[in-house]
PDB file of N, CA and C in Angstrom:
ATOM      1  N   MET A   1     168.945  65.151 257.052  1.00  0.00           N
ATOM      2  CA  MET A   1     169.340  66.460 257.189  1.00  0.00           C
ATOM      3  C   MET A   1     170.955  66.562 257.839  1.00  0.00           C
ATOM      4  N   ALA A   2     171.093  65.415 258.906  1.00  0.00           N
ATOM      5  CA  ALA A   2     172.249  65.473 259.505  1.00  0.00           C
ATOM      6  C   ALA A   2     173.427  64.990 258.443  1.00  0.00           C
ATOM      7  N   LYS A   3     172.975  64.116 257.528  1.00  0.00           N
ATOM      8  CA  LYS A   3     174.041  63.670 256.420  1.00  0.00           C
ATOM      9  C   LYS A   3     174.447  64.813 255.672  1.00  0.00           C
ATOM     10  N   LYS A   4     173.468  65.593 255.168  1.00  0.00           N
ATOM     11  CA  LYS A   4     173.578  66.613 254.292  1.00  0.00           C
ATOM     12  C   LYS A   4     174.584  67.786 254.992  1.00  0.00           C
ATOM     13  N   ILE A   5     174.422  68.003 256.379  1.00  0.00           N
ATOM     14  CA  ILE A   5     175.203  69.005 257.066  1.00  0.00           C
ATOM     15  C   ILE A   5     176.679  68.329 257.112  1.00  0.00           C
ATOM     16  N   ALA A   6     176.772  67.121 257.369  1.00  0.00           N
ATOM     17  CA  ALA A   6     178.042  66.439 257.543  1.00  0.00           C
ATOM     18  C   ALA A   6     178.775  66.593 256.131  1.00  0.00           C
ATOM     19  N   ALA A   7     178.088  66.293 255.085  1.00  0.00           N
ATOM     20  CA  ALA A   7     178.647  66.300 253.629  1.00  0.00           C
ATOM     21  C   ALA A   7     179.090  67.655 253.288  1.00  0.00           C
ATOM     22  N   LEU A   8     178.322  68.612 253.701  1.00  0.00           N
ATOM     23  CA  LEU A   8     178.730  70.165 253.478  1.00  0.00           C
ATOM     24  C   LEU A   8     179.947  70.444 254.329  1.00  0.00           C
ATOM     25  N   GLY A   9     180.126  69.904 255.652  1.00  0.00           N
ATOM     26  CA  GLY A   9     181.219  70.184 256.256  1.00  0.00           C
ATOM     27  C   GLY A   9     182.546  69.598 255.610  1.00  0.00           C
ATOM     28  N   ILE A  10     182.400  68.377 255.213  1.00  0.00           N
ATOM     29  CA  ILE A  10     183.541  67.595 254.596  1.00  0.00           C
ATOM     30  C   ILE A  10     183.968  68.465 253.237  1.00  0.00           C
ATOM     31  N   ALA A  11     182.904  68.667 252.514  1.00  0.00           N
ATOM     32  CA  ALA A  11     183.187  69.472 251.246  1.00  0.00           C
ATOM     33  C   ALA A  11     183.968  70.688 251.535  1.00  0.00           C
ATOM     34  N   LYS A  12     183.555  71.410 252.580  1.00  0.00           N
ATOM     35  CA  LYS A  12     184.259  72.661 252.898  1.00  0.00           C
ATOM     36  C   LYS A  12     185.687  72.502 253.264  1.00  0.00           C
ATOM     37  N   LYS A  13     185.995  71.477 254.024  1.00  0.00           N
ATOM     38  CA  LYS A  13     187.374  71.118 254.407  1.00  0.00           C
ATOM     39  C   LYS A  13     188.229  70.747 253.256  1.00  0.00           C
ATOM     40  N   VAL A  14     187.636  69.859 252.347  1.00  0.00           N
ATOM     41  CA  VAL A  14     188.273  69.565 251.180  1.00  0.00           C
ATOM     42  C   VAL A  14     188.828  70.782 250.424  1.00  0.00           C
ATOM     43  N   TYR A  15     187.645  71.719 250.165  1.00  0.00           N
ATOM     44  CA  TYR A  15     187.851  72.900 249.418  1.00  0.00           C
ATOM     45  C   TYR A  15     188.966  73.736 250.138  1.00  0.00           C
ATOM     46  N   ASP A  16     188.912  74.022 251.326  1.00  0.00           N
ATOM     47  CA  ASP A  16     189.890  74.862 252.125  1.00  0.00           C
ATOM     48  C   ASP A  16     191.182  74.346 251.945  1.00  0.00           C
ATOM     49  N   GLU A  17     191.441  72.965 252.114  1.00  0.00           N
ATOM     50  CA  GLU A  17     192.733  72.321 251.854  1.00  0.00           C
ATOM     51  C   GLU A  17     193.254  72.475 250.514  1.00  0.00           C
ATOM     52  N   ALA A  18     192.244  72.439 249.454  1.00  0.00           N
ATOM     53  CA  ALA A  18     192.857  72.502 248.114  1.00  0.00           C
ATOM     54  C   ALA A  18     193.131  73.882 247.656  1.00  0.00           C
ATOM     55  N   ARG A  19     192.792  74.870 248.454  1.00  0.00           N
ATOM     56  CA  ARG A  19     193.164  76.295 248.189  1.00  0.00           C
ATOM     57  C   ARG A  19     194.603  76.682 248.540  1.00  0.00           C
ATOM     58  N   LYS A  20     195.129  75.897 249.498  1.00  0.00           N
ATOM     59  CA  LYS A  20     196.504  76.030 249.970  1.00  0.00           C
ATOM     60  C   LYS A  20     197.533  75.842 248.899  1.00  0.00           C
ATOM     61  N   PRO A  21     198.584  76.758 248.652  1.00  0.00           N
ATOM     62  CA  PRO A  21     199.429  76.625 247.460  1.00  0.00           C
ATOM     63  C   PRO A  21     200.100  75.286 247.438  1.00  0.00           C
ATOM     64  N   HIS A  22     200.662  74.789 248.761  1.00  0.00           N
ATOM     65  CA  HIS A  22     201.469  73.527 248.656  1.00  0.00           C
ATOM     66  C   HIS A  22     200.657  72.383 248.305  1.00  0.00           C
ATOM     67  N   ASN A  23     199.318  72.411 248.680  1.00  0.00           N
ATOM     68  CA  ASN A  23     198.383  71.421 248.195  1.00  0.00           C
ATOM     69  C   ASN A  23     197.994  71.435 246.762  1.00  0.00           C
ATOM     70  N   GLN A  24     197.954  72.687 246.265  1.00  0.00           N
ATOM     71  CA  GLN A  24     197.623  72.894 244.881  1.00  0.00           C
ATOM     72  C   GLN A  24     198.731  72.247 244.082  1.00  0.00           C
ATOM     73  N   ALA A  25     200.036  72.327 244.394  1.00  0.00           N
ATOM     74  CA  ALA A  25     201.076  71.640 243.754  1.00  0.00           C
ATOM     75  C   ALA A  25     200.908  70.292 243.709  1.00  0.00           C
ATOM     76  N   LYS A  26     200.639  69.723 244.826  1.00  0.00           N
ATOM     77  CA  LYS A  26     200.491  68.177 244.918  1.00  0.00           C
ATOM     78  C   LYS A  26     199.299  67.655 244.084  1.00  0.00           C
ATOM     79  N   ILE A  27     198.258  68.542 243.956  1.00  0.00           N
ATOM     80  CA  ILE A  27     196.949  68.164 243.053  1.00  0.00           C
ATOM     81  C   ILE A  27     197.382  68.199 241.710  1.00  0.00           C
ATOM     82  N   ARG A  28     198.175  69.294 241.234  1.00  0.00           N
ATOM     83  CA  ARG A  28     198.575  69.390 239.881  1.00  0.00           C
ATOM     84  C   ARG A  28     199.527  68.198 239.404  1.00  0.00           C
ATOM     85  N   SER A  29     200.416  67.878 240.360  1.00  0.00           N
ATOM     86  CA  SER A  29     201.332  66.627 239.906  1.00  0.00           C
ATOM     87  C   SER A  29     200.509  65.451 239.818  1.00  0.00           C
ATOM     88  N   ALA A  30     199.577  65.293 240.769  1.00  0.00           N
ATOM     89  CA  ALA A  30     198.842  63.942 240.656  1.00  0.00           C
ATOM     90  C   ALA A  30     198.001  63.918 239.431  1.00  0.00           C
ATOM     91  N   VAL A  31     197.303  65.210 238.985  1.00  0.00           N
ATOM     92  CA  VAL A  31     196.546  65.198 237.713  1.00  0.00           C
ATOM     93  C   VAL A  31     197.525  64.908 236.551  1.00  0.00           C
ATOM     94  N   GLN A  32     198.726  65.503 236.523  1.00  0.00           N
ATOM     95  CA  GLN A  32     199.693  65.309 235.399  1.00  0.00           C
ATOM     96  C   GLN A  32     200.031  63.863 235.298  1.00  0.00           C
ATOM     97  N   LYS A  33     200.345  63.012 236.478  1.00  0.00           N
ATOM     98  CA  LYS A  33     200.669  61.810 236.457  1.00  0.00           C
ATOM     99  C   LYS A  33     199.460  60.855 235.781  1.00  0.00           C
ATOM    100  N   MET A  34     198.155  61.208 236.229  1.00  0.00           N
ATOM    101  CA  MET A  34     197.146  60.403 235.748  1.00  0.00           C
ATOM    102  C   MET A  34     196.961  60.657 234.260  1.00  0.00           C
ATOM    103  N   GLN A  35     197.141  61.927 233.790  1.00  0.00           N
ATOM    104  CA  GLN A  35     197.116  62.074 232.315  1.00  0.00           C
ATOM    105  C   GLN A  35     198.168  61.314 231.590  1.00  0.00           C
ATOM    106  N   GLU A  36     199.409  61.317 232.154  1.00  0.00           N
ATOM    107  CA  GLU A  36     200.455  60.580 231.463  1.00  0.00           C
ATOM    108  C   GLU A  36     200.042  59.049 231.523  1.00  0.00           C
ATOM    109  N   ARG A  37     199.415  58.511 232.400  1.00  0.00           N
ATOM    110  CA  ARG A  37     199.059  57.030 232.540  1.00  0.00           C
ATOM    111  C   ARG A  37     198.016  56.803 231.470  1.00  0.00           C
ATOM    112  N   ARG A  38     197.055  57.713 231.120  1.00  0.00           N
ATOM    113  CA  ARG A  38     195.916  57.456 230.351  1.00  0.00           C
ATOM    114  C   ARG A  38     196.306  57.610 228.899  1.00  0.00           C
ATOM    115  N   ARG A  39     197.445  58.372 228.553  1.00  0.00           N
ATOM    116  CA  ARG A  39     197.811  58.490 227.168  1.00  0.00           C
ATOM    117  C   ARG A  39     198.105  57.117 226.533  1.00  0.00           C
ATOM    118  N   PRO A  40     197.578  56.965 225.187  1.00  0.00           N
ATOM    119  CA  PRO A  40     197.960  55.667 224.589  1.00  0.00           C
ATOM    120  C   PRO A  40     199.424  55.788 224.146  1.00  0.00           C
ATOM    121  N   ARG A  41     200.040  54.652 224.275  1.00  0.00           N
ATOM    122  CA  ARG A  41     201.493  54.586 223.859  1.00  0.00           C
ATOM    123  C   ARG A  41     201.611  54.375 222.298  1.00  0.00           C
TER     124      ARG A  41
END
């Protein structure tokens, strides 16, 4: 039960941070870089 509560707390923190505009820009750029690396040449 304690592990579940801790996991929910961590998930909420990650979700709250991901909602911030400056963090959204960082996430988008990271996703774009990953997609560019995965493209076959």
